[in-house]
Amino acid sequence: MIEHNAATPEGQRIVFRVGINLGDVIVEGDDIYGDGVNVPARLEALAEPGGISVSGVVHDQVWGCLESNLRILVSRS
């Protein structure tokens, strides 16, 4: 996306935000819901454009396992 956006006018760029949580996902027909869906949707709204927000549960599971220079926003809700 970085390469694509570099050659694209600012108003037409695609920039993702991602929210990640560990939780149950319930599937009924074409519908999905549960904490595994709802919490990441809220976390996504907290992420900066091009950023990733993770829940406290995810943070606790991966802390010390990843080598990264990423700034991670942790939600303790």
N, C-alpha and C. Protein backbone atom coordinates (compact mmCIF):
# COMPACT_ATOMS: atom_id res chain seq x y z
N MET A 1 0.82 -1.18 0.00
CA MET A 1 0.00 0.00 0.00
C MET A 1 0.87 1.25 0.00
N ILE A 2 2.02 1.20 0.66
CA ILE A 2 2.88 2.38 0.71
C ILE A 2 3.32 2.77 -0.70
N GLU A 3 3.72 1.78 -1.49
CA GLU A 3 4.15 2.05 -2.86
C GLU A 3 2.99 2.57 -3.69
N HIS A 4 1.82 1.95 -3.54
CA HIS A 4 0.63 2.38 -4.28
C HIS A 4 0.27 3.81 -3.91
N ASN A 5 0.24 4.11 -2.62
CA ASN A 5 -0.15 5.44 -2.16
C ASN A 5 0.83 6.53 -2.55
N ALA A 6 2.10 6.18 -2.71
CA ALA A 6 3.11 7.17 -3.08
C ALA A 6 2.80 7.80 -4.43
N ALA A 7 2.19 7.02 -5.32
CA ALA A 7 1.88 7.51 -6.66
C ALA A 7 0.42 7.91 -6.81
N THR A 8 -0.30 8.02 -5.70
CA THR A 8 -1.74 8.30 -5.73
C THR A 8 -2.01 9.63 -5.06
N PRO A 9 -2.87 10.47 -5.65
CA PRO A 9 -3.22 11.74 -5.00
C PRO A 9 -3.78 11.50 -3.59
N GLU A 10 -3.50 12.42 -2.68
CA GLU A 10 -3.84 12.24 -1.27
C GLU A 10 -5.30 11.87 -1.03
N GLY A 11 -6.21 12.48 -1.73
CA GLY A 11 -7.63 12.20 -1.54
C GLY A 11 -8.08 10.84 -2.04
N GLN A 12 -7.22 10.13 -2.77
CA GLN A 12 -7.57 8.83 -3.32
C GLN A 12 -6.76 7.68 -2.73
N ARG A 13 -5.94 7.97 -1.72
CA ARG A 13 -5.10 6.95 -1.11
C ARG A 13 -5.94 6.00 -0.25
N ILE A 14 -5.48 4.77 -0.17
CA ILE A 14 -6.11 3.77 0.69
C ILE A 14 -5.21 3.59 1.91
N VAL A 15 -5.78 3.85 3.09
CA VAL A 15 -5.02 3.70 4.33
C VAL A 15 -5.86 2.86 5.28
N PHE A 16 -5.29 1.76 5.75
CA PHE A 16 -6.01 0.84 6.63
C PHE A 16 -5.77 1.18 8.09
N ARG A 17 -6.73 0.82 8.92
CA ARG A 17 -6.60 0.81 10.38
C ARG A 17 -7.01 -0.59 10.79
N VAL A 18 -6.35 -1.14 11.81
CA VAL A 18 -6.63 -2.51 12.23
C VAL A 18 -6.81 -2.56 13.74
N GLY A 19 -7.82 -3.32 14.18
CA GLY A 19 -8.01 -3.61 15.59
C GLY A 19 -7.92 -5.11 15.79
N ILE A 20 -7.19 -5.55 16.83
CA ILE A 20 -6.99 -6.97 17.07
C ILE A 20 -7.35 -7.31 18.51
N ASN A 21 -8.14 -8.37 18.68
CA ASN A 21 -8.54 -8.86 20.00
C ASN A 21 -8.61 -10.38 19.96
N LEU A 22 -8.50 -11.00 21.13
CA LEU A 22 -8.74 -12.43 21.26
C LEU A 22 -10.09 -12.59 21.92
N GLY A 23 -11.01 -13.27 21.27
CA GLY A 23 -12.32 -13.46 21.85
C GLY A 23 -13.15 -14.39 20.99
N ASP A 24 -14.27 -14.80 21.55
CA ASP A 24 -15.16 -15.70 20.84
C ASP A 24 -15.85 -15.00 19.68
N VAL A 25 -16.00 -15.73 18.59
CA VAL A 25 -16.76 -15.27 17.42
C VAL A 25 -17.89 -16.26 17.22
N ILE A 26 -19.10 -15.74 17.15
CA ILE A 26 -20.29 -16.57 16.95
C ILE A 26 -20.76 -16.38 15.52
N VAL A 27 -20.97 -17.50 14.83
CA VAL A 27 -21.43 -17.46 13.45
C VAL A 27 -22.81 -18.08 13.39
N GLU A 28 -23.76 -17.31 12.88
CA GLU A 28 -25.13 -17.80 12.66
C GLU A 28 -25.55 -17.37 11.26
N GLY A 29 -25.56 -18.31 10.36
CA GLY A 29 -25.89 -17.98 8.97
C GLY A 29 -24.84 -17.06 8.40
N ASP A 30 -25.27 -15.90 7.90
CA ASP A 30 -24.36 -14.91 7.33
C ASP A 30 -23.90 -13.89 8.37
N ASP A 31 -24.35 -14.01 9.62
CA ASP A 31 -24.01 -13.06 10.67
C ASP A 31 -22.87 -13.57 11.53
N ILE A 32 -21.97 -12.67 11.92
CA ILE A 32 -20.94 -12.99 12.90
C ILE A 32 -20.99 -11.92 13.98
N TYR A 33 -20.81 -12.33 15.23
CA TYR A 33 -20.81 -11.38 16.32
C TYR A 33 -20.07 -11.97 17.51
N GLY A 34 -19.99 -11.23 18.59
CA GLY A 34 -19.27 -11.64 19.78
C GLY A 34 -18.09 -10.72 20.04
N ASP A 35 -17.40 -10.94 21.18
CA ASP A 35 -16.26 -10.09 21.54
C ASP A 35 -15.14 -10.14 20.50
N GLY A 36 -15.01 -11.25 19.81
CA GLY A 36 -13.98 -11.37 18.78
C GLY A 36 -14.24 -10.52 17.56
N VAL A 37 -15.45 -9.96 17.48
CA VAL A 37 -15.82 -9.08 16.36
C VAL A 37 -16.02 -7.65 16.87
N ASN A 38 -16.74 -7.50 17.97
CA ASN A 38 -17.12 -6.17 18.46
C ASN A 38 -15.94 -5.38 19.01
N VAL A 39 -15.10 -6.01 19.82
CA VAL A 39 -13.96 -5.30 20.40
C VAL A 39 -12.97 -4.84 19.33
N PRO A 40 -12.59 -5.69 18.37
CA PRO A 40 -11.68 -5.19 17.32
C PRO A 40 -12.27 -4.02 16.52
N ALA A 41 -13.58 -4.02 16.33
CA ALA A 41 -14.20 -2.90 15.61
C ALA A 41 -14.00 -1.60 16.38
N ARG A 42 -14.11 -1.67 17.69
CA ARG A 42 -13.88 -0.47 18.51
C ARG A 42 -12.41 -0.08 18.52
N LEU A 43 -11.53 -1.08 18.61
CA LEU A 43 -10.10 -0.81 18.61
C LEU A 43 -9.65 -0.19 17.29
N GLU A 44 -10.22 -0.66 16.21
CA GLU A 44 -9.87 -0.13 14.88
C GLU A 44 -10.11 1.37 14.84
N ALA A 45 -11.17 1.83 15.47
CA ALA A 45 -11.49 3.26 15.47
C ALA A 45 -10.44 4.06 16.24
N LEU A 46 -9.72 3.43 17.17
CA LEU A 46 -8.70 4.11 17.95
C LEU A 46 -7.36 4.20 17.24
N ALA A 47 -7.15 3.32 16.26
CA ALA A 47 -5.87 3.28 15.56
C ALA A 47 -5.69 4.50 14.67
N GLU A 48 -4.47 4.95 14.57
CA GLU A 48 -4.14 6.02 13.63
C GLU A 48 -4.22 5.45 12.21
N PRO A 49 -4.42 6.29 11.22
CA PRO A 49 -4.39 5.78 9.84
C PRO A 49 -3.07 5.04 9.59
N GLY A 50 -3.19 3.82 9.08
CA GLY A 50 -2.02 2.99 8.85
C GLY A 50 -1.56 2.26 10.11
N GLY A 51 -2.32 2.39 11.21
CA GLY A 51 -1.91 1.82 12.48
C GLY A 51 -2.70 0.60 12.91
N ILE A 52 -2.25 0.01 14.01
CA ILE A 52 -2.87 -1.18 14.58
C ILE A 52 -3.10 -0.92 16.06
N SER A 53 -4.30 -1.23 16.56
CA SER A 53 -4.60 -1.19 17.99
C SER A 53 -4.86 -2.62 18.44
N VAL A 54 -4.31 -2.98 19.59
CA VAL A 54 -4.54 -4.32 20.12
C VAL A 54 -5.15 -4.20 21.51
N SER A 55 -5.93 -5.21 21.89
CA SER A 55 -6.51 -5.24 23.23
C SER A 55 -5.44 -5.61 24.24
N GLY A 56 -5.74 -5.40 25.52
CA GLY A 56 -4.82 -5.77 26.58
C GLY A 56 -4.52 -7.26 26.56
N VAL A 57 -5.52 -8.08 26.24
CA VAL A 57 -5.32 -9.53 26.17
C VAL A 57 -4.28 -9.88 25.10
N VAL A 58 -4.40 -9.28 23.95
CA VAL A 58 -3.44 -9.53 22.86
C VAL A 58 -2.05 -9.04 23.29
N HIS A 59 -2.00 -7.86 23.85
CA HIS A 59 -0.73 -7.31 24.31
C HIS A 59 -0.04 -8.28 25.27
N ASP A 60 -0.79 -8.77 26.27
CA ASP A 60 -0.23 -9.68 27.26
C ASP A 60 0.25 -10.99 26.63
N GLN A 61 -0.42 -11.46 25.59
CA GLN A 61 -0.05 -12.71 24.94
C GLN A 61 1.22 -12.58 24.10
N VAL A 62 1.45 -11.42 23.50
CA VAL A 62 2.58 -11.28 22.58
C VAL A 62 3.74 -10.49 23.15
N TRP A 63 3.56 -9.86 24.34
CA TRP A 63 4.62 -9.03 24.91
C TRP A 63 5.89 -9.87 25.08
N GLY A 64 6.99 -9.40 24.56
CA GLY A 64 8.25 -10.10 24.66
C GLY A 64 8.47 -11.14 23.58
N CYS A 65 7.43 -11.44 22.79
CA CYS A 65 7.55 -12.43 21.73
C CYS A 65 7.88 -11.81 20.38
N LEU A 66 7.63 -10.51 20.26
CA LEU A 66 7.83 -9.83 18.99
C LEU A 66 8.96 -8.83 19.10
N GLU A 67 9.81 -8.80 18.10
CA GLU A 67 10.81 -7.76 17.98
C GLU A 67 10.28 -6.75 17.00
N SER A 68 10.02 -5.55 17.49
CA SER A 68 9.38 -4.57 16.63
C SER A 68 9.65 -3.17 17.13
N ASN A 69 9.61 -2.23 16.22
CA ASN A 69 9.70 -0.82 16.55
C ASN A 69 8.33 -0.16 16.47
N LEU A 70 7.27 -0.97 16.47
CA LEU A 70 5.93 -0.44 16.34
C LEU A 70 5.47 0.19 17.64
N ARG A 71 4.72 1.28 17.53
CA ARG A 71 4.06 1.87 18.69
C ARG A 71 2.69 1.24 18.76
N ILE A 72 2.40 0.54 19.86
CA ILE A 72 1.15 -0.18 19.99
C ILE A 72 0.28 0.52 21.01
N LEU A 73 -0.95 0.83 20.62
CA LEU A 73 -1.94 1.41 21.52
C LEU A 73 -2.68 0.27 22.19
N VAL A 74 -2.62 0.20 23.50
CA VAL A 74 -3.25 -0.88 24.24
C VAL A 74 -4.50 -0.37 24.93
N SER A 75 -5.61 -1.03 24.70
CA SER A 75 -6.86 -0.69 25.37
C SER A 75 -7.06 -1.68 26.51
N ARG A 76 -7.27 -1.17 27.70
CA ARG A 76 -7.50 -2.04 28.86
C ARG A 76 -8.98 -2.17 29.18
N SER A 77 -9.83 -1.90 28.21
CA SER A 77 -11.28 -2.01 28.45
C SER A 77 -11.79 -3.39 28.14
